[in-house]
Amino acid sequence: MELHLGMDEKPSKSLWVKIKGRAGTGDTIVEVWYRSLNQEDQADEGLYRQIGAASCSQALVLMGDFNHPDICWRDNTAGHNQSRKFLECVDDDFLLQVIEEPMKRGAMLDLVLTNKERLVGNVKLKGSLGCIDHETVEFKILRAAKKGAQQALYPGLQESRLWPLQGSAW
């Protein structure tokens, strides 16, 4: 599956990776995203189209700083139009938000989303790195074993870490 921006879309600060699954397990698409707080609607819409395309046919894990501090995940509500559009994308593509506790001043900016229940497990907040105010998020990408137990999907990738993207050179 190819995911790319059209000519009319602005480039985004994201990285898409396809992890090849073992025979019979299928591939997993992992996307790391940084959304600046004042990002234009056009870049958001490009991301939403890519998420829609990827979530239809692949196991998908999205992670990063989505910068929507006004979203209340408990009630699935938001005060700003851009945040409401993001919630619509999450809902339309049947994505699950797997981080349950706020990280930054009571808001969840760093998210881990997936389109498959039980694809992501063992989510842990590991504290901040240095003087930045984002936390490290550690989790495992899982797959269902034949008898319903959970096993790590990729033995060489036992733990995935979401490192803070703020301040990264793009």
N, C-alpha and C. Protein backbone atom coordinates (compact mmCIF):
# COMPACT_ATOMS: atom_id res chain seq x y z
N MET A 1 0.84 -1.17 0.00
CA MET A 1 0.00 0.00 0.00
C MET A 1 0.88 1.22 0.00
N GLU A 2 0.60 2.17 -0.86
CA GLU A 2 1.35 3.42 -0.90
C GLU A 2 0.52 4.51 -0.27
N LEU A 3 1.16 5.28 0.58
CA LEU A 3 0.53 6.45 1.18
C LEU A 3 1.37 7.64 0.78
N HIS A 4 0.78 8.61 0.15
CA HIS A 4 1.55 9.78 -0.25
C HIS A 4 0.65 11.00 -0.29
N LEU A 5 1.28 12.15 -0.21
CA LEU A 5 0.55 13.40 -0.30
C LEU A 5 0.30 13.73 -1.76
N GLY A 6 -0.88 14.26 -2.04
CA GLY A 6 -1.17 14.75 -3.38
C GLY A 6 -0.43 16.06 -3.60
N MET A 7 -0.41 16.52 -4.83
CA MET A 7 0.31 17.74 -5.16
C MET A 7 -0.28 18.97 -4.47
N ASP A 8 -1.57 18.91 -4.12
CA ASP A 8 -2.20 20.07 -3.50
C ASP A 8 -2.08 20.06 -1.98
N GLU A 9 -1.42 19.06 -1.42
CA GLU A 9 -1.31 18.95 0.02
C GLU A 9 0.08 19.36 0.49
N LYS A 10 0.11 20.02 1.63
CA LYS A 10 1.39 20.43 2.20
C LYS A 10 2.04 19.24 2.90
N PRO A 11 3.37 19.16 2.87
CA PRO A 11 4.05 18.08 3.58
C PRO A 11 3.77 18.17 5.08
N SER A 12 3.73 17.02 5.70
CA SER A 12 3.49 16.99 7.14
C SER A 12 4.73 16.44 7.84
N LYS A 13 4.76 16.61 9.14
CA LYS A 13 5.85 16.08 9.94
C LYS A 13 5.44 14.70 10.42
N SER A 14 5.60 13.73 9.54
CA SER A 14 5.18 12.38 9.87
C SER A 14 6.11 11.37 9.22
N LEU A 15 6.08 10.18 9.77
CA LEU A 15 6.86 9.06 9.26
C LEU A 15 5.95 7.85 9.24
N TRP A 16 5.82 7.21 8.08
CA TRP A 16 5.02 6.00 7.93
C TRP A 16 5.97 4.82 7.75
N VAL A 17 5.72 3.74 8.48
CA VAL A 17 6.55 2.54 8.39
C VAL A 17 5.63 1.33 8.25
N LYS A 18 5.97 0.44 7.32
CA LYS A 18 5.24 -0.82 7.21
C LYS A 18 6.10 -1.92 7.81
N ILE A 19 5.56 -2.61 8.80
CA ILE A 19 6.26 -3.73 9.42
C ILE A 19 5.67 -5.00 8.83
N LYS A 20 6.50 -5.74 8.12
CA LYS A 20 6.04 -6.97 7.48
C LYS A 20 5.76 -8.02 8.55
N GLY A 21 4.58 -8.61 8.47
CA GLY A 21 4.20 -9.66 9.41
C GLY A 21 4.69 -11.01 8.93
N ARG A 22 4.73 -11.94 9.86
CA ARG A 22 5.05 -13.31 9.49
C ARG A 22 3.91 -13.87 8.64
N ALA A 23 4.14 -14.98 8.00
CA ALA A 23 3.12 -15.59 7.15
C ALA A 23 1.81 -15.73 7.92
N GLY A 24 0.76 -15.22 7.34
CA GLY A 24 -0.56 -15.36 7.95
C GLY A 24 -0.92 -14.29 8.96
N THR A 25 0.02 -13.41 9.33
CA THR A 25 -0.31 -12.40 10.34
C THR A 25 -0.62 -11.04 9.73
N GLY A 26 -0.22 -10.80 8.50
CA GLY A 26 -0.47 -9.51 7.87
C GLY A 26 0.52 -8.46 8.33
N ASP A 27 0.53 -7.36 7.62
CA ASP A 27 1.45 -6.27 7.91
C ASP A 27 0.82 -5.29 8.90
N THR A 28 1.66 -4.50 9.54
CA THR A 28 1.21 -3.43 10.42
C THR A 28 1.81 -2.13 9.93
N ILE A 29 0.97 -1.13 9.80
CA ILE A 29 1.43 0.21 9.44
C ILE A 29 1.57 1.01 10.73
N VAL A 30 2.74 1.62 10.93
CA VAL A 30 2.99 2.47 12.09
C VAL A 30 3.29 3.87 11.58
N GLU A 31 2.61 4.85 12.13
CA GLU A 31 2.82 6.23 11.72
C GLU A 31 3.14 7.07 12.94
N VAL A 32 4.20 7.85 12.84
CA VAL A 32 4.58 8.79 13.90
C VAL A 32 4.30 10.18 13.36
N TRP A 33 3.63 11.00 14.16
CA TRP A 33 3.11 12.28 13.68
C TRP A 33 3.42 13.38 14.69
N TYR A 34 3.83 14.53 14.18
CA TYR A 34 3.89 15.74 15.00
C TYR A 34 3.02 16.78 14.33
N ARG A 35 2.04 17.27 15.06
CA ARG A 35 1.14 18.31 14.57
C ARG A 35 1.40 19.56 15.38
N SER A 36 1.82 20.63 14.71
CA SER A 36 2.03 21.89 15.43
C SER A 36 0.67 22.44 15.86
N LEU A 37 0.67 23.19 16.93
CA LEU A 37 -0.57 23.69 17.49
C LEU A 37 -1.34 24.57 16.51
N ASN A 38 -0.64 25.29 15.66
CA ASN A 38 -1.30 26.19 14.71
C ASN A 38 -1.27 25.64 13.28
N GLN A 39 -1.30 24.34 13.13
CA GLN A 39 -1.24 23.72 11.80
C GLN A 39 -2.48 24.07 10.98
N GLU A 40 -2.30 24.22 9.69
CA GLU A 40 -3.40 24.57 8.80
C GLU A 40 -4.31 23.37 8.55
N ASP A 41 -5.58 23.68 8.25
CA ASP A 41 -6.57 22.64 7.98
C ASP A 41 -6.16 21.73 6.82
N GLN A 42 -5.49 22.28 5.82
CA GLN A 42 -5.11 21.52 4.64
C GLN A 42 -4.18 20.35 5.00
N ALA A 43 -3.23 20.59 5.88
CA ALA A 43 -2.32 19.51 6.31
C ALA A 43 -3.08 18.47 7.12
N ASP A 44 -4.01 18.92 7.98
CA ASP A 44 -4.83 17.98 8.74
C ASP A 44 -5.65 17.09 7.81
N GLU A 45 -6.27 17.68 6.81
CA GLU A 45 -7.10 16.92 5.87
C GLU A 45 -6.28 15.88 5.12
N GLY A 46 -5.04 16.22 4.76
CA GLY A 46 -4.16 15.25 4.11
C GLY A 46 -3.89 14.06 5.01
N LEU A 47 -3.62 14.33 6.28
CA LEU A 47 -3.40 13.24 7.24
C LEU A 47 -4.65 12.38 7.36
N TYR A 48 -5.82 13.00 7.45
CA TYR A 48 -7.06 12.24 7.62
C TYR A 48 -7.32 11.33 6.43
N ARG A 49 -7.00 11.78 5.23
CA ARG A 49 -7.15 10.93 4.04
C ARG A 49 -6.18 9.74 4.11
N GLN A 50 -4.95 9.99 4.54
CA GLN A 50 -3.97 8.91 4.65
C GLN A 50 -4.40 7.89 5.71
N ILE A 51 -4.89 8.38 6.83
CA ILE A 51 -5.35 7.47 7.90
C ILE A 51 -6.51 6.63 7.39
N GLY A 52 -7.44 7.26 6.68
CA GLY A 52 -8.59 6.52 6.14
C GLY A 52 -8.16 5.42 5.19
N ALA A 53 -7.21 5.71 4.32
CA ALA A 53 -6.72 4.71 3.37
C ALA A 53 -6.00 3.58 4.10
N ALA A 54 -5.17 3.91 5.06
CA ALA A 54 -4.39 2.89 5.78
C ALA A 54 -5.27 2.03 6.68
N SER A 55 -6.28 2.63 7.30
CA SER A 55 -7.08 1.88 8.27
C SER A 55 -8.03 0.90 7.62
N CYS A 56 -8.30 1.06 6.33
CA CYS A 56 -9.23 0.16 5.64
C CYS A 56 -8.64 -1.23 5.43
N SER A 57 -7.35 -1.32 5.21
CA SER A 57 -6.80 -2.61 4.82
C SER A 57 -5.62 -3.08 5.66
N GLN A 58 -5.23 -2.35 6.65
CA GLN A 58 -4.03 -2.70 7.41
C GLN A 58 -4.29 -2.60 8.91
N ALA A 59 -3.51 -3.33 9.68
CA ALA A 59 -3.44 -3.08 11.12
C ALA A 59 -2.66 -1.78 11.25
N LEU A 60 -3.17 -0.84 12.00
CA LEU A 60 -2.62 0.51 12.02
C LEU A 60 -2.36 0.96 13.45
N VAL A 61 -1.18 1.54 13.67
CA VAL A 61 -0.84 2.17 14.95
C VAL A 61 -0.38 3.59 14.62
N LEU A 62 -1.06 4.58 15.18
CA LEU A 62 -0.70 5.99 15.02
C LEU A 62 -0.20 6.48 16.36
N MET A 63 0.90 7.21 16.34
CA MET A 63 1.41 7.74 17.60
C MET A 63 2.07 9.07 17.35
N GLY A 64 2.05 9.91 18.35
CA GLY A 64 2.72 11.18 18.23
C GLY A 64 2.04 12.28 19.02
N ASP A 65 2.52 13.49 18.78
CA ASP A 65 1.96 14.68 19.42
C ASP A 65 0.95 15.26 18.45
N PHE A 66 -0.33 15.05 18.73
CA PHE A 66 -1.39 15.51 17.85
C PHE A 66 -1.85 16.92 18.20
N ASN A 67 -1.40 17.45 19.34
CA ASN A 67 -1.63 18.84 19.74
C ASN A 67 -3.08 19.28 19.68
N HIS A 68 -3.93 18.54 20.34
CA HIS A 68 -5.34 18.92 20.50
C HIS A 68 -5.63 18.93 22.01
N PRO A 69 -5.15 19.96 22.74
CA PRO A 69 -5.30 19.96 24.19
C PRO A 69 -6.73 20.10 24.67
N ASP A 70 -7.64 20.53 23.81
CA ASP A 70 -9.02 20.75 24.24
C ASP A 70 -9.90 19.50 24.12
N ILE A 71 -9.35 18.39 23.65
CA ILE A 71 -10.16 17.17 23.53
C ILE A 71 -10.34 16.53 24.90
N CYS A 72 -11.58 16.19 25.20
CA CYS A 72 -11.90 15.39 26.39
C CYS A 72 -12.18 13.98 25.89
N TRP A 73 -11.24 13.07 26.10
CA TRP A 73 -11.38 11.71 25.57
C TRP A 73 -12.45 10.92 26.30
N ARG A 74 -12.69 11.25 27.54
CA ARG A 74 -13.72 10.54 28.31
C ARG A 74 -15.10 10.77 27.68
N ASP A 75 -15.37 12.04 27.28
CA ASP A 75 -16.67 12.40 26.72
C ASP A 75 -16.67 12.46 25.19
N ASN A 76 -15.49 12.33 24.58
CA ASN A 76 -15.34 12.43 23.13
C ASN A 76 -15.84 13.78 22.61
N THR A 77 -15.40 14.86 23.27
CA THR A 77 -15.81 16.21 22.90
C THR A 77 -14.58 17.10 22.76
N ALA A 78 -14.77 18.21 22.05
CA ALA A 78 -13.69 19.18 21.87
C ALA A 78 -14.28 20.56 21.66
N GLY A 79 -13.52 21.58 22.07
CA GLY A 79 -13.98 22.95 21.96
C GLY A 79 -13.67 23.61 20.63
N HIS A 80 -12.58 23.22 19.97
CA HIS A 80 -12.17 23.86 18.73
C HIS A 80 -12.56 23.02 17.51
N ASN A 81 -12.82 23.70 16.42
CA ASN A 81 -13.25 23.03 15.19
C ASN A 81 -12.21 22.01 14.70
N GLN A 82 -10.91 22.37 14.72
CA GLN A 82 -9.88 21.44 14.26
C GLN A 82 -9.86 20.17 15.12
N SER A 83 -10.06 20.33 16.42
CA SER A 83 -10.08 19.16 17.31
C SER A 83 -11.31 18.31 17.06
N ARG A 84 -12.45 18.94 16.79
CA ARG A 84 -13.66 18.18 16.47
C ARG A 84 -13.47 17.39 15.17
N LYS A 85 -12.80 17.98 14.19
CA LYS A 85 -12.52 17.27 12.93
C LYS A 85 -11.61 16.07 13.19
N PHE A 86 -10.64 16.23 14.09
CA PHE A 86 -9.76 15.11 14.44
C PHE A 86 -10.58 13.99 15.10
N LEU A 87 -11.49 14.35 16.01
CA LEU A 87 -12.35 13.35 16.64
C LEU A 87 -13.22 12.65 15.61
N GLU A 88 -13.71 13.38 14.61
CA GLU A 88 -14.49 12.77 13.54
C GLU A 88 -13.66 11.75 12.77
N CYS A 89 -12.40 12.08 12.49
CA CYS A 89 -11.50 11.15 11.81
C CYS A 89 -11.31 9.89 12.65
N VAL A 90 -11.06 10.06 13.93
CA VAL A 90 -10.88 8.93 14.84
C VAL A 90 -12.13 8.05 14.82
N ASP A 91 -13.30 8.68 14.87
CA ASP A 91 -14.57 7.95 14.88
C ASP A 91 -14.84 7.30 13.52
N ASP A 92 -14.66 8.04 12.44
CA ASP A 92 -14.94 7.52 11.09
C ASP A 92 -14.07 6.32 10.74
N ASP A 93 -12.84 6.32 11.22
CA ASP A 93 -11.90 5.24 10.91
C ASP A 93 -11.82 4.20 12.02
N PHE A 94 -12.75 4.25 12.98
CA PHE A 94 -12.87 3.27 14.05
C PHE A 94 -11.56 3.10 14.82
N LEU A 95 -10.92 4.22 15.14
CA LEU A 95 -9.67 4.18 15.88
C LEU A 95 -9.93 4.18 17.38
N LEU A 96 -9.07 3.49 18.11
CA LEU A 96 -9.14 3.43 19.56
C LEU A 96 -7.94 4.17 20.14
N GLN A 97 -8.18 5.03 21.11
CA GLN A 97 -7.13 5.77 21.80
C GLN A 97 -6.73 4.93 23.01
N VAL A 98 -5.48 4.49 23.09
CA VAL A 98 -5.10 3.52 24.12
C VAL A 98 -4.42 4.11 25.35
N ILE A 99 -4.06 5.38 25.31
CA ILE A 99 -3.49 6.01 26.50
C ILE A 99 -4.64 6.51 27.37
N GLU A 100 -4.60 6.17 28.64
CA GLU A 100 -5.74 6.47 29.50
C GLU A 100 -5.51 7.59 30.49
N GLU A 101 -4.27 8.01 30.67
CA GLU A 101 -4.03 9.05 31.66
C GLU A 101 -3.38 10.28 31.03
N PRO A 102 -3.75 11.47 31.51
CA PRO A 102 -3.18 12.70 30.95
C PRO A 102 -1.68 12.77 31.19
N MET A 103 -0.99 13.45 30.28
CA MET A 103 0.46 13.56 30.39
C MET A 103 0.92 14.98 30.64
N LYS A 104 0.33 15.94 29.99
CA LYS A 104 0.85 17.30 30.02
C LYS A 104 -0.24 18.25 30.51
N ARG A 105 -0.06 18.79 31.69
CA ARG A 105 -1.02 19.74 32.26
C ARG A 105 -2.45 19.24 32.15
N GLY A 106 -2.66 17.96 32.42
CA GLY A 106 -4.00 17.39 32.39
C GLY A 106 -4.52 17.06 31.01
N ALA A 107 -3.75 17.31 29.96
CA ALA A 107 -4.20 17.04 28.59
C ALA A 107 -3.43 15.86 28.00
N MET A 108 -4.08 15.16 27.09
CA MET A 108 -3.40 14.08 26.37
C MET A 108 -3.06 14.59 24.98
N LEU A 109 -1.83 15.02 24.81
CA LEU A 109 -1.37 15.49 23.51
C LEU A 109 -0.67 14.37 22.76
N ASP A 110 0.11 13.58 23.49
CA ASP A 110 0.82 12.44 22.91
C ASP A 110 -0.12 11.25 22.95
N LEU A 111 -0.49 10.76 21.79
CA LEU A 111 -1.50 9.71 21.69
C LEU A 111 -0.95 8.46 21.04
N VAL A 112 -1.56 7.35 21.34
CA VAL A 112 -1.35 6.10 20.61
C VAL A 112 -2.74 5.63 20.22
N LEU A 113 -2.99 5.56 18.92
CA LEU A 113 -4.28 5.15 18.38
C LEU A 113 -4.09 3.90 17.54
N THR A 114 -5.10 3.04 17.50
CA THR A 114 -5.03 1.84 16.68
C THR A 114 -6.41 1.53 16.13
N ASN A 115 -6.45 0.78 15.04
CA ASN A 115 -7.73 0.37 14.47
C ASN A 115 -8.08 -1.07 14.80
N LYS A 116 -7.25 -1.74 15.54
CA LYS A 116 -7.51 -3.13 15.92
C LYS A 116 -7.44 -3.27 17.44
N GLU A 117 -8.52 -3.74 18.01
CA GLU A 117 -8.53 -3.95 19.46
C GLU A 117 -7.47 -4.98 19.82
N ARG A 118 -6.75 -4.75 20.88
CA ARG A 118 -5.69 -5.63 21.39
C ARG A 118 -4.47 -5.70 20.47
N LEU A 119 -4.31 -4.76 19.55
CA LEU A 119 -3.09 -4.69 18.74
C LEU A 119 -1.96 -4.03 19.54
N VAL A 120 -2.32 -3.11 20.43
CA VAL A 120 -1.36 -2.39 21.26
C VAL A 120 -1.63 -2.76 22.71
N GLY A 121 -0.58 -3.11 23.43
CA GLY A 121 -0.73 -3.47 24.84
C GLY A 121 0.43 -3.00 25.68
N ASN A 122 0.30 -3.19 26.98
CA ASN A 122 1.35 -2.86 27.94
C ASN A 122 1.80 -1.41 27.81
N VAL A 123 0.85 -0.49 27.69
CA VAL A 123 1.16 0.93 27.54
C VAL A 123 1.61 1.48 28.88
N LYS A 124 2.79 2.12 28.89
CA LYS A 124 3.33 2.69 30.12
C LYS A 124 3.88 4.07 29.84
N LEU A 125 3.63 4.99 30.75
CA LEU A 125 4.26 6.31 30.70
C LEU A 125 5.54 6.21 31.49
N LYS A 126 6.65 6.62 30.89
CA LYS A 126 7.96 6.43 31.49
C LYS A 126 8.63 7.71 31.96
N GLY A 127 7.91 8.81 32.03
CA GLY A 127 8.52 10.06 32.47
C GLY A 127 9.09 10.84 31.30
N SER A 128 9.52 12.05 31.60
CA SER A 128 10.00 12.92 30.52
C SER A 128 11.48 12.70 30.26
N LEU A 129 11.89 13.16 29.09
CA LEU A 129 13.30 13.11 28.71
C LEU A 129 13.87 14.51 28.86
N GLY A 130 14.77 14.69 29.74
CA GLY A 130 15.41 15.99 29.90
C GLY A 130 14.45 17.07 30.35
N CYS A 131 14.57 18.25 29.74
CA CYS A 131 13.81 19.40 30.20
C CYS A 131 12.53 19.62 29.40
N ILE A 132 12.15 18.71 28.52
CA ILE A 132 10.90 18.89 27.78
C ILE A 132 9.73 18.37 28.60
N ASP A 133 8.53 18.84 28.27
CA ASP A 133 7.38 18.50 29.09
C ASP A 133 6.52 17.38 28.49
N HIS A 134 7.06 16.61 27.56
CA HIS A 134 6.37 15.44 27.04
C HIS A 134 6.92 14.21 27.73
N GLU A 135 6.08 13.18 27.84
CA GLU A 135 6.52 11.95 28.46
C GLU A 135 6.83 10.90 27.41
N THR A 136 7.71 9.99 27.77
CA THR A 136 8.00 8.84 26.93
C THR A 136 6.87 7.84 27.11
N VAL A 137 6.36 7.33 26.00
CA VAL A 137 5.31 6.32 26.04
C VAL A 137 5.91 5.02 25.52
N GLU A 138 5.77 3.97 26.31
CA GLU A 138 6.30 2.67 25.92
C GLU A 138 5.12 1.72 25.75
N PHE A 139 5.16 0.91 24.70
CA PHE A 139 4.08 -0.05 24.47
C PHE A 139 4.59 -1.20 23.62
N LYS A 140 3.78 -2.25 23.52
CA LYS A 140 4.10 -3.39 22.67
C LYS A 140 3.04 -3.50 21.59
N ILE A 141 3.49 -3.88 20.40
CA ILE A 141 2.57 -4.21 19.32
C ILE A 141 2.35 -5.72 19.41
N LEU A 142 1.10 -6.13 19.53
CA LEU A 142 0.75 -7.51 19.80
C LEU A 142 0.02 -8.14 18.62
N ARG A 143 -0.08 -9.45 18.66
CA ARG A 143 -0.94 -10.17 17.72
C ARG A 143 -1.61 -11.29 18.50
N ALA A 144 -2.76 -11.71 18.03
CA ALA A 144 -3.47 -12.80 18.70
C ALA A 144 -2.85 -14.13 18.31
N ALA A 145 -2.56 -14.95 19.29
CA ALA A 145 -2.05 -16.29 19.02
C ALA A 145 -3.23 -17.20 18.67
N LYS A 146 -2.95 -18.40 18.23
CA LYS A 146 -4.01 -19.31 17.81
C LYS A 146 -5.03 -19.58 18.90
N LYS A 147 -4.61 -19.62 20.15
CA LYS A 147 -5.54 -19.92 21.23
C LYS A 147 -6.03 -18.67 21.94
N GLY A 148 -5.88 -17.51 21.30
CA GLY A 148 -6.42 -16.28 21.87
C GLY A 148 -5.49 -15.54 22.80
N ALA A 149 -4.32 -16.12 23.09
CA ALA A 149 -3.36 -15.42 23.95
C ALA A 149 -2.69 -14.32 23.15
N GLN A 150 -2.10 -13.38 23.82
CA GLN A 150 -1.40 -12.30 23.14
C GLN A 150 0.10 -12.59 23.13
N GLN A 151 0.72 -12.39 21.97
CA GLN A 151 2.16 -12.54 21.84
C GLN A 151 2.70 -11.31 21.14
N ALA A 152 3.97 -11.05 21.34
CA ALA A 152 4.58 -9.94 20.62
C ALA A 152 4.57 -10.26 19.13
N LEU A 153 4.16 -9.30 18.33
CA LEU A 153 4.03 -9.50 16.89
C LEU A 153 5.39 -9.63 16.21
N TYR A 154 6.36 -8.85 16.64
CA TYR A 154 7.66 -8.83 16.00
C TYR A 154 8.72 -9.05 17.07
N PRO A 155 9.33 -10.23 17.12
CA PRO A 155 10.29 -10.53 18.18
C PRO A 155 11.42 -9.51 18.28
N GLY A 156 11.87 -8.96 17.17
CA GLY A 156 12.94 -7.98 17.19
C GLY A 156 12.48 -6.60 17.59
N LEU A 157 11.18 -6.42 17.73
CA LEU A 157 10.61 -5.12 18.08
C LEU A 157 9.72 -5.32 19.30
N GLN A 158 10.31 -5.81 20.38
CA GLN A 158 9.54 -6.12 21.57
C GLN A 158 8.92 -4.89 22.19
N GLU A 159 9.63 -3.80 22.21
CA GLU A 159 9.10 -2.59 22.81
C GLU A 159 9.24 -1.45 21.82
N SER A 160 8.14 -0.78 21.56
CA SER A 160 8.17 0.42 20.73
C SER A 160 8.12 1.60 21.66
N ARG A 161 8.88 2.60 21.37
CA ARG A 161 8.90 3.78 22.22
C ARG A 161 8.51 4.99 21.39
N LEU A 162 7.64 5.79 21.95
CA LEU A 162 7.28 7.06 21.33
C LEU A 162 8.11 8.12 22.01
N TRP A 163 9.12 8.58 21.32
CA TRP A 163 9.97 9.62 21.88
C TRP A 163 9.36 10.96 21.55
N PRO A 164 9.51 11.91 22.42
CA PRO A 164 8.94 13.24 22.16
C PRO A 164 9.46 13.81 20.85
N LEU A 165 8.55 14.37 20.08
CA LEU A 165 8.90 14.89 18.77
C LEU A 165 9.12 16.39 18.80
N GLN A 166 8.69 17.04 19.87
CA GLN A 166 8.82 18.49 19.96
C GLN A 166 10.30 18.85 19.91
N GLY A 167 10.62 19.79 19.08
CA GLY A 167 12.00 20.24 18.98
C GLY A 167 12.86 19.41 18.05
N SER A 168 12.28 18.37 17.44
CA SER A 168 13.05 17.54 16.52
C SER A 168 13.29 18.30 15.23
N ALA A 169 14.43 18.09 14.64
CA ALA A 169 14.73 18.70 13.34
C ALA A 169 14.03 17.89 12.27
N TRP A 170 13.20 18.51 11.50
CA TRP A 170 12.48 17.82 10.42
C TRP A 170 13.05 18.27 9.16
